[in-house]
């Protein structure tokens, strides 16, 4: 039993290290884009499917309520939460078309398999002139092919689903810490 526990945590540590090493530039770029958008008065939208729902909500909570330091909240809207009473396939598109504008950012957290709802939301955000930060997982080829050179893509596709989710959590926490540091200074 102890060996299984050790192996579980060892795999998480290895996935975290691989993600950090492979995506250092993208993590810094995502934090800089989000911080710049916030300083310009823009809104950060978050959206996820499957395990990404919880991670997208966590990202919004960290922005609105604070991550590591006591600070004022930032404008962040979780699309899963504001559309939870709708089963309409266009619900995320409608919310983005109503609330989103050029300069805003859409953070997409995918659990894999290029969910059509995420693809549609991504396309709506692109049409609104928004920047995309995509946290992708396995089989997200349709999502990743839609992001442009101005967008940020951080992939966890090389990990099994539980480790991809863990990696995405680490990415979110890292980006939020960097945003706080970028805006408020410090280490």
C-alpha atoms as a PDB file:
ATOM      1  CA  UNK A   1       0.000   0.000   0.000  1.00  0.00           C
ATOM      2  CA  UNK A   2       2.757   2.463   0.892  1.00  0.00           C
ATOM      3  CA  UNK A   3       4.430   1.879  -2.479  1.00  0.00           C
ATOM      4  CA  UNK A   4       1.193   2.704  -4.319  1.00  0.00           C
ATOM      5  CA  UNK A   5       0.864   5.927  -2.339  1.00  0.00           C
ATOM      6  CA  UNK A   6       4.477   6.860  -3.053  1.00  0.00           C
ATOM      7  CA  UNK A   7       4.062   6.077  -6.779  1.00  0.00           C
ATOM      8  CA  UNK A   8       0.889   8.167  -6.956  1.00  0.00           C
ATOM      9  CA  UNK A   9       2.599  11.245  -5.538  1.00  0.00           C
ATOM     10  CA  UNK A  10       5.767  10.617  -7.530  1.00  0.00           C
ATOM     11  CA  UNK A  11       3.758  10.672 -10.770  1.00  0.00           C
ATOM     12  CA  UNK A  12       2.095  13.948  -9.730  1.00  0.00           C
ATOM     13  CA  UNK A  13       5.464  15.519  -8.986  1.00  0.00           C
ATOM     14  CA  UNK A  14       6.876  14.343 -12.316  1.00  0.00           C
ATOM     15  CA  UNK A  15       3.847  15.697 -14.214  1.00  0.00           C
ATOM     16  CA  UNK A  16       4.190  19.042 -12.441  1.00  0.00           C
ATOM     17  CA  UNK A  17       7.886  19.267 -13.303  1.00  0.00           C
ATOM     18  CA  UNK A  18       7.313  18.323 -16.956  1.00  0.00           C
ATOM     19  CA  UNK A  19       4.540  20.919 -17.268  1.00  0.00           C
ATOM     20  CA  UNK A  20       6.640  23.646 -15.671  1.00  0.00           C
ATOM     21  CA  UNK A  21       9.657  22.931 -17.841  1.00  0.00           C
ATOM     22  CA  UNK A  22       7.725  22.539 -21.099  1.00  0.00           C
ATOM     23  CA  UNK A  23       5.477  25.566 -20.683  1.00  0.00           C
ATOM     24  CA  UNK A  24       7.520  28.193 -18.839  1.00  0.00           C
ATOM     25  CA  UNK A  25       7.193  30.709 -21.661  1.00  0.00           C
ATOM     26  CA  UNK A  26       3.472  30.036 -22.141  1.00  0.00           C
ATOM     27  CA  UNK A  27       2.784  30.353 -18.396  1.00  0.00           C
ATOM     28  CA  UNK A  28       4.561  33.703 -18.250  1.00  0.00           C
ATOM     29  CA  UNK A  29       2.800  34.834 -21.434  1.00  0.00           C
ATOM     30  CA  UNK A  30      -0.625  33.844 -20.116  1.00  0.00           C
ATOM     31  CA  UNK A  31      -0.063  35.693 -16.848  1.00  0.00           C
ATOM     32  CA  UNK A  32       1.161  38.786 -18.695  1.00  0.00           C
ATOM     33  CA  UNK A  33      -1.814  38.793 -21.096  1.00  0.00           C
ATOM     34  CA  UNK A  34      -4.328  38.343 -18.288  1.00  0.00           C
ATOM     35  CA  UNK A  35      -2.669  40.986 -16.082  1.00  0.00           C
ATOM     36  CA  UNK A  36      -2.535  43.453 -18.977  1.00  0.00           C
ATOM     37  CA  UNK A  37      -6.195  42.831 -19.807  1.00  0.00           C
ATOM     38  CA  UNK A  38      -7.177  43.365 -16.171  1.00  0.00           C
ATOM     39  CA  UNK A  39      -5.168  46.584 -15.933  1.00  0.00           C
ATOM     40  CA  UNK A  40      -6.905  47.814 -19.109  1.00  0.00           C
ATOM     41  CA  UNK A  41     -10.324  47.237 -17.504  1.00  0.00           C
ATOM     42  CA  UNK A  42     -11.186  44.076 -19.380  1.00  0.00           C
ATOM     43  CA  UNK A  43     -12.943  40.958 -18.084  1.00  0.00           C
ATOM     44  CA  UNK A  44     -11.624  37.419 -17.830  1.00  0.00           C
ATOM     45  CA  UNK A  45     -14.111  34.706 -18.785  1.00  0.00           C
ATOM     46  CA  UNK A  46     -13.543  31.090 -17.752  1.00  0.00           C
ATOM     47  CA  UNK A  47     -15.149  27.967 -19.136  1.00  0.00           C
ATOM     48  CA  UNK A  48     -14.597  24.235 -18.790  1.00  0.00           C
ATOM     49  CA  UNK A  49     -16.206  20.915 -19.529  1.00  0.00           C
ATOM     50  CA  UNK A  50     -16.063  17.739 -17.411  1.00  0.00           C
ATOM     51  CA  UNK A  51     -13.231  18.118 -14.850  1.00  0.00           C
ATOM     52  CA  UNK A  52     -12.482  21.487 -16.446  1.00  0.00           C
ATOM     53  CA  UNK A  53     -15.715  22.914 -14.974  1.00  0.00           C
ATOM     54  CA  UNK A  54     -14.267  22.891 -11.467  1.00  0.00           C
ATOM     55  CA  UNK A  55     -10.907  24.215 -12.606  1.00  0.00           C
ATOM     56  CA  UNK A  56     -12.498  27.055 -14.585  1.00  0.00           C
ATOM     57  CA  UNK A  57     -14.556  28.009 -11.530  1.00  0.00           C
ATOM     58  CA  UNK A  58     -11.440  27.913  -9.369  1.00  0.00           C
ATOM     59  CA  UNK A  59      -9.627  30.231 -11.788  1.00  0.00           C
ATOM     60  CA  UNK A  60     -12.523  32.717 -11.606  1.00  0.00           C
ATOM     61  CA  UNK A  61     -12.602  32.464  -7.819  1.00  0.00           C
ATOM     62  CA  UNK A  62      -8.859  33.125  -7.573  1.00  0.00           C
ATOM     63  CA  UNK A  63      -9.240  36.222  -9.748  1.00  0.00           C
ATOM     64  CA  UNK A  64     -12.352  37.566  -8.042  1.00  0.00           C
ATOM     65  CA  UNK A  65     -11.518  36.669  -4.440  1.00  0.00           C
ATOM     66  CA  UNK A  66      -7.711  36.621  -4.404  1.00  0.00           C
ATOM     67  CA  UNK A  67      -5.156  33.890  -4.752  1.00  0.00           C
ATOM     68  CA  UNK A  68      -2.113  34.304  -2.542  1.00  0.00           C
ATOM     69  CA  UNK A  69      -2.291  37.900  -1.334  1.00  0.00           C
ATOM     70  CA  UNK A  70      -4.983  40.137   0.126  1.00  0.00           C
ATOM     71  CA  UNK A  71      -6.039  42.337  -2.791  1.00  0.00           C
ATOM     72  CA  UNK A  72      -9.100  43.784  -4.506  1.00  0.00           C
ATOM     73  CA  UNK A  73     -11.036  41.417  -6.750  1.00  0.00           C
ATOM     74  CA  UNK A  74     -10.632  41.340 -10.507  1.00  0.00           C
ATOM     75  CA  UNK A  75     -13.525  41.115 -12.979  1.00  0.00           C
ATOM     76  CA  UNK A  76     -13.995  37.457 -13.801  1.00  0.00           C
ATOM     77  CA  UNK A  77     -17.054  35.625 -15.098  1.00  0.00           C
ATOM     78  CA  UNK A  78     -17.392  31.859 -15.053  1.00  0.00           C
ATOM     79  CA  UNK A  79     -19.557  30.905 -18.028  1.00  0.00           C
ATOM     80  CA  UNK A  80     -20.450  27.514 -16.541  1.00  0.00           C
ATOM     81  CA  UNK A  81     -21.964  29.251 -13.545  1.00  0.00           C
ATOM     82  CA  UNK A  82     -23.938  31.954 -15.345  1.00  0.00           C
ATOM     83  CA  UNK A  83     -25.402  29.457 -17.820  1.00  0.00           C
ATOM     84  CA  UNK A  84     -26.029  26.569 -15.428  1.00  0.00           C
ATOM     85  CA  UNK A  85     -29.810  26.764 -15.809  1.00  0.00           C
ATOM     86  CA  UNK A  86     -29.665  26.453 -19.580  1.00  0.00           C
ATOM     87  CA  UNK A  87     -29.261  23.292 -21.602  1.00  0.00           C
ATOM     88  CA  UNK A  88     -29.133  25.197 -24.885  1.00  0.00           C
ATOM     89  CA  UNK A  89     -26.173  24.116 -27.019  1.00  0.00           C
ATOM     90  CA  UNK A  90     -25.491  27.789 -27.755  1.00  0.00           C
ATOM     91  CA  UNK A  91     -25.517  28.950 -24.115  1.00  0.00           C
ATOM     92  CA  UNK A  92     -21.809  29.800 -23.906  1.00  0.00           C
ATOM     93  CA  UNK A  93     -21.891  31.533 -27.291  1.00  0.00           C
ATOM     94  CA  UNK A  94     -24.877  33.621 -26.202  1.00  0.00           C
ATOM     95  CA  UNK A  95     -23.175  34.611 -22.947  1.00  0.00           C
ATOM     96  CA  UNK A  96     -19.984  35.604 -24.756  1.00  0.00           C
ATOM     97  CA  UNK A  97     -21.903  37.544 -27.390  1.00  0.00           C
ATOM     98  CA  UNK A  98     -23.797  39.358 -24.622  1.00  0.00           C
ATOM     99  CA  UNK A  99     -20.930  40.094 -22.222  1.00  0.00           C
ATOM    100  CA  UNK A 100     -17.650  39.655 -24.132  1.00  0.00           C
ATOM    101  CA  UNK A 101     -15.794  42.331 -26.046  1.00  0.00           C
ATOM    102  CA  UNK A 102     -12.462  42.836 -27.750  1.00  0.00           C
ATOM    103  CA  UNK A 103      -9.630  42.849 -25.239  1.00  0.00           C
ATOM    104  CA  UNK A 104     -11.348  40.400 -22.893  1.00  0.00           C
ATOM    105  CA  UNK A 105      -9.817  36.971 -22.370  1.00  0.00           C
ATOM    106  CA  UNK A 106     -11.414  33.524 -22.457  1.00  0.00           C
ATOM    107  CA  UNK A 107      -9.719  30.851 -20.350  1.00  0.00           C
ATOM    108  CA  UNK A 108     -10.795  27.425 -21.652  1.00  0.00           C
ATOM    109  CA  UNK A 109     -10.084  24.334 -19.555  1.00  0.00           C
ATOM    110  CA  UNK A 110     -10.635  21.128 -21.496  1.00  0.00           C
ATOM    111  CA  UNK A 111     -10.664  17.609 -20.111  1.00  0.00           C
ATOM    112  CA  UNK A 112     -10.013  16.338 -23.632  1.00  0.00           C
ATOM    113  CA  UNK A 113     -11.802  15.186 -26.765  1.00  0.00           C
ATOM    114  CA  UNK A 114     -12.475  18.662 -28.240  1.00  0.00           C
ATOM    115  CA  UNK A 115     -15.931  19.109 -26.741  1.00  0.00           C
ATOM    116  CA  UNK A 116     -18.185  20.826 -29.318  1.00  0.00           C
ATOM    117  CA  UNK A 117     -19.483  23.313 -26.707  1.00  0.00           C
ATOM    118  CA  UNK A 118     -15.909  24.478 -26.076  1.00  0.00           C
ATOM    119  CA  UNK A 119     -15.164  24.741 -29.796  1.00  0.00           C
ATOM    120  CA  UNK A 120     -18.260  26.885 -30.322  1.00  0.00           C
ATOM    121  CA  UNK A 121     -17.365  29.125 -27.378  1.00  0.00           C
ATOM    122  CA  UNK A 122     -13.806  29.469 -28.639  1.00  0.00           C
ATOM    123  CA  UNK A 123     -15.086  30.496 -32.076  1.00  0.00           C
ATOM    124  CA  UNK A 124     -17.477  33.039 -30.520  1.00  0.00           C
ATOM    125  CA  UNK A 125     -14.640  34.516 -28.469  1.00  0.00           C
ATOM    126  CA  UNK A 126     -12.438  34.774 -31.551  1.00  0.00           C
ATOM    127  CA  UNK A 127     -15.266  36.521 -33.421  1.00  0.00           C
ATOM    128  CA  UNK A 128     -15.581  39.011 -30.524  1.00  0.00           C
ATOM    129  CA  UNK A 129     -11.857  39.827 -30.707  1.00  0.00           C
ATOM    130  CA  UNK A 130     -11.015  38.100 -27.442  1.00  0.00           C
ATOM    131  CA  UNK A 131      -7.714  36.436 -26.595  1.00  0.00           C
ATOM    132  CA  UNK A 132      -7.781  32.719 -25.764  1.00  0.00           C
ATOM    133  CA  UNK A 133      -5.823  30.869 -23.084  1.00  0.00           C
ATOM    134  CA  UNK A 134      -6.405  27.174 -23.738  1.00  0.00           C
ATOM    135  CA  UNK A 135      -5.524  24.472 -21.225  1.00  0.00           C
ATOM    136  CA  UNK A 136      -5.914  21.348 -23.328  1.00  0.00           C
ATOM    137  CA  UNK A 137      -5.795  17.616 -22.675  1.00  0.00           C
ATOM    138  CA  UNK A 138      -5.785  14.459 -24.802  1.00  0.00           C
ATOM    139  CA  UNK A 139      -7.502  14.457 -28.201  1.00  0.00           C
ATOM    140  CA  UNK A 140      -8.094  18.213 -28.265  1.00  0.00           C
ATOM    141  CA  UNK A 141      -6.841  18.597 -31.836  1.00  0.00           C
ATOM    142  CA  UNK A 142      -9.912  20.523 -32.999  1.00  0.00           C
ATOM    143  CA  UNK A 143      -9.561  22.995 -30.133  1.00  0.00           C
ATOM    144  CA  UNK A 144      -5.833  23.447 -30.505  1.00  0.00           C
ATOM    145  CA  UNK A 145      -6.091  24.009 -34.253  1.00  0.00           C
ATOM    146  CA  UNK A 146      -8.397  26.974 -33.626  1.00  0.00           C
ATOM    147  CA  UNK A 147      -6.089  29.000 -31.381  1.00  0.00           C
ATOM    148  CA  UNK A 148      -3.960  31.601 -33.157  1.00  0.00           C
ATOM    149  CA  UNK A 149      -0.425  32.845 -32.654  1.00  0.00           C
ATOM    150  CA  UNK A 150      -1.749  35.648 -30.383  1.00  0.00           C
ATOM    151  CA  UNK A 151      -3.353  33.091 -28.078  1.00  0.00           C
ATOM    152  CA  UNK A 152      -1.758  30.893 -25.419  1.00  0.00           C
ATOM    153  CA  UNK A 153      -1.930  27.102 -25.478  1.00  0.00           C
ATOM    154  CA  UNK A 154      -0.766  24.943 -22.584  1.00  0.00           C
ATOM    155  CA  UNK A 155      -1.146  21.215 -23.183  1.00  0.00           C
ATOM    156  CA  UNK A 156      -1.448  18.370 -20.708  1.00  0.00           C
ATOM    157  CA  UNK A 157      -2.190  15.886 -23.487  1.00  0.00           C
ATOM    158  CA  UNK A 158       0.765  13.642 -22.654  1.00  0.00           C
ATOM    159  CA  UNK A 159      -0.683  12.705 -19.263  1.00  0.00           C
ATOM    160  CA  UNK A 160      -3.519  10.319 -18.353  1.00  0.00           C
ATOM    161  CA  UNK A 161      -6.727  12.176 -17.414  1.00  0.00           C
ATOM    162  CA  UNK A 162      -6.167  12.381 -13.618  1.00  0.00           C
ATOM    163  CA  UNK A 163      -2.633  13.723 -14.071  1.00  0.00           C
ATOM    164  CA  UNK A 164      -3.801  16.132 -16.790  1.00  0.00           C
ATOM    165  CA  UNK A 165      -6.317  17.581 -14.314  1.00  0.00           C
ATOM    166  CA  UNK A 166      -3.612  17.862 -11.653  1.00  0.00           C
ATOM    167  CA  UNK A 167      -1.315  19.543 -14.159  1.00  0.00           C
ATOM    168  CA  UNK A 168      -4.040  22.025 -15.134  1.00  0.00           C
ATOM    169  CA  UNK A 169      -4.604  22.851 -11.464  1.00  0.00           C
ATOM    170  CA  UNK A 170      -0.902  23.609 -11.072  1.00  0.00           C
ATOM    171  CA  UNK A 171      -0.990  25.753 -14.226  1.00  0.00           C
ATOM    172  CA  UNK A 172      -3.943  27.776 -12.896  1.00  0.00           C
ATOM    173  CA  UNK A 173      -2.267  28.341  -9.544  1.00  0.00           C
ATOM    174  CA  UNK A 174       0.999  29.347 -11.196  1.00  0.00           C
ATOM    175  CA  UNK A 175      -0.707  31.805 -13.562  1.00  0.00           C
ATOM    176  CA  UNK A 176      -2.719  33.361 -10.714  1.00  0.00           C
ATOM    177  CA  UNK A 177       0.404  33.800  -8.598  1.00  0.00           C
ATOM    178  CA  UNK A 178       2.191  35.407 -11.542  1.00  0.00           C
ATOM    179  CA  UNK A 179      -0.770  37.741 -12.179  1.00  0.00           C
ATOM    180  CA  UNK A 180      -0.695  38.941  -8.575  1.00  0.00           C
ATOM    181  CA  UNK A 181       3.060  39.459  -8.806  1.00  0.00           C
ATOM    182  CA  UNK A 182       2.798  41.272 -12.152  1.00  0.00           C
ATOM    183  CA  UNK A 183       0.121  43.694 -10.917  1.00  0.00           C
ATOM    184  CA  UNK A 184       1.162  44.189  -7.306  1.00  0.00           C
ATOM    185  CA  UNK A 185       4.878  43.417  -7.408  1.00  0.00           C
ATOM    186  CA  UNK A 186       6.738  41.076  -5.132  1.00  0.00           C
ATOM    187  CA  UNK A 187       8.333  37.745  -5.779  1.00  0.00           C
END
